[in-house]
Amino acid sequence: MVVWRRTVLSVMAGAAFATAADAALPPQYQRAKELTAVIDAAAGVLGARPIESVYRVEDDLYRVETAGCVLDVRIEGLPMPQGMVGPRRFKAVPGEPECQ
């Protein structure tokens, strides 16, 4: 009976771990979601200025450049609802543009 309980608990623990691991996005897809959010946030601040480049400065910080402006956009993580697993929830928060 003890062996059976250990087996059941091991299987349940393994299933819980697999569910959490399977719920995360692969890094390339997570980065794509972040870049899309960064561009959307930057476009809202920069208006008609066309974006020429976006690059990652450090974890959760991107720099967006136009012909005359530079804008930093920070990724802020959002909490997951209790008991939920899945891809990282976040929002892109633009800073103040520095324009010439």
Protein backbone atom coordinates (compact mmCIF):
# COMPACT_ATOMS: atom_id res chain seq x y z
CA MET A 1 0.00 0.00 0.00
CA VAL A 2 2.85 2.40 0.83
CA VAL A 3 4.54 1.72 -2.52
CA TRP A 4 1.27 2.40 -4.34
CA ARG A 5 0.85 5.77 -2.55
CA ARG A 6 4.42 6.78 -3.40
CA THR A 7 3.85 5.85 -7.02
CA VAL A 8 0.63 7.86 -7.21
CA LEU A 9 2.27 10.87 -5.53
CA SER A 10 5.27 10.64 -7.85
CA VAL A 11 3.04 10.55 -10.92
CA MET A 12 0.98 13.49 -9.64
CA ALA A 13 4.09 15.55 -8.88
CA GLY A 14 5.53 14.76 -12.30
CA ALA A 15 2.30 15.76 -14.02
CA ALA A 16 2.18 19.06 -12.14
CA PHE A 17 5.78 19.83 -13.09
CA ALA A 18 5.20 18.91 -16.74
CA THR A 19 2.12 21.13 -16.88
CA ALA A 20 4.01 24.14 -15.55
CA ALA A 21 6.98 23.55 -17.84
CA ASP A 22 4.81 22.97 -20.90
CA ALA A 23 2.88 26.17 -20.24
CA ALA A 24 5.86 28.50 -20.72
CA LEU A 25 6.53 29.86 -24.20
CA PRO A 26 9.78 28.94 -25.91
CA PRO A 27 12.20 31.89 -25.69
CA GLN A 28 11.91 32.88 -29.36
CA TYR A 29 8.12 33.20 -29.09
CA GLN A 30 8.31 35.06 -25.78
CA ARG A 31 10.77 37.52 -27.33
CA ALA A 32 8.48 37.97 -30.36
CA LYS A 33 5.54 38.80 -28.06
CA GLU A 34 7.71 41.30 -26.17
CA LEU A 35 8.94 42.97 -29.37
CA THR A 36 5.39 43.32 -30.67
CA ALA A 37 4.31 44.93 -27.40
CA VAL A 38 7.36 47.24 -27.42
CA ILE A 39 6.66 48.40 -30.98
CA ASP A 40 2.98 48.99 -30.21
CA ALA A 41 3.83 51.00 -27.08
CA ALA A 42 6.50 53.02 -28.90
CA ALA A 43 4.23 53.78 -31.85
CA GLY A 44 1.66 55.20 -29.45
CA VAL A 45 4.26 57.60 -28.02
CA LEU A 46 6.26 58.43 -31.15
CA GLY A 47 3.24 59.09 -33.35
CA ALA A 48 4.06 59.58 -37.04
CA ARG A 49 7.81 59.12 -36.62
CA PRO A 50 8.75 55.84 -38.33
CA ILE A 51 10.59 53.35 -36.13
CA GLU A 52 14.00 52.57 -37.58
CA SER A 53 15.38 50.13 -35.01
CA VAL A 54 14.56 48.25 -31.83
CA TYR A 55 17.18 46.54 -29.73
CA ARG A 56 17.42 44.87 -26.37
CA VAL A 57 19.50 46.86 -23.88
CA GLU A 58 19.17 44.38 -21.00
CA ASP A 59 16.59 42.04 -19.51
CA ASP A 60 13.17 43.68 -19.82
CA LEU A 61 14.53 46.89 -21.39
CA TYR A 62 14.36 47.76 -25.09
CA ARG A 63 15.48 50.89 -26.96
CA VAL A 64 13.48 52.15 -29.91
CA GLU A 65 15.03 54.63 -32.35
CA THR A 66 13.62 56.90 -35.04
CA ALA A 67 15.47 59.43 -37.21
CA GLY A 68 15.45 61.98 -34.38
CA CYS A 69 14.23 60.26 -31.23
CA VAL A 70 15.24 57.54 -28.80
CA LEU A 71 12.68 55.88 -26.54
CA ASP A 72 13.24 53.25 -23.86
CA VAL A 73 10.43 50.76 -23.28
CA ARG A 74 10.46 48.59 -20.17
CA ILE A 75 8.72 45.21 -19.90
CA GLU A 76 6.92 44.90 -16.57
CA GLY A 77 5.80 41.45 -15.46
CA LEU A 78 2.20 41.03 -14.35
CA PRO A 79 1.13 38.52 -11.71
CA MET A 80 -0.50 35.31 -12.79
CA PRO A 81 -3.99 34.62 -11.47
CA GLN A 82 -3.87 32.27 -8.49
CA GLY A 83 -3.50 28.66 -9.56
CA MET A 84 -2.90 29.54 -13.22
CA VAL A 85 0.14 28.66 -15.31
CA GLY A 86 1.06 29.81 -18.77
CA PRO A 87 3.24 32.21 -20.66
CA ARG A 88 4.65 35.21 -18.84
CA ARG A 89 2.12 38.01 -18.52
CA PHE A 90 3.55 41.48 -19.02
CA LYS A 91 2.94 45.00 -20.24
CA ALA A 92 5.24 47.32 -22.20
CA VAL A 93 5.72 50.66 -20.48
CA PRO A 94 7.26 53.44 -22.59
CA GLY A 95 9.46 56.09 -21.04
CA GLU A 96 9.77 59.67 -22.22
CA PRO A 97 11.17 60.08 -25.74
CA GLU A 98 14.43 61.99 -26.14
CA CYS A 99 14.15 63.90 -29.40
CA GLN A 100 16.56 66.29 -31.11
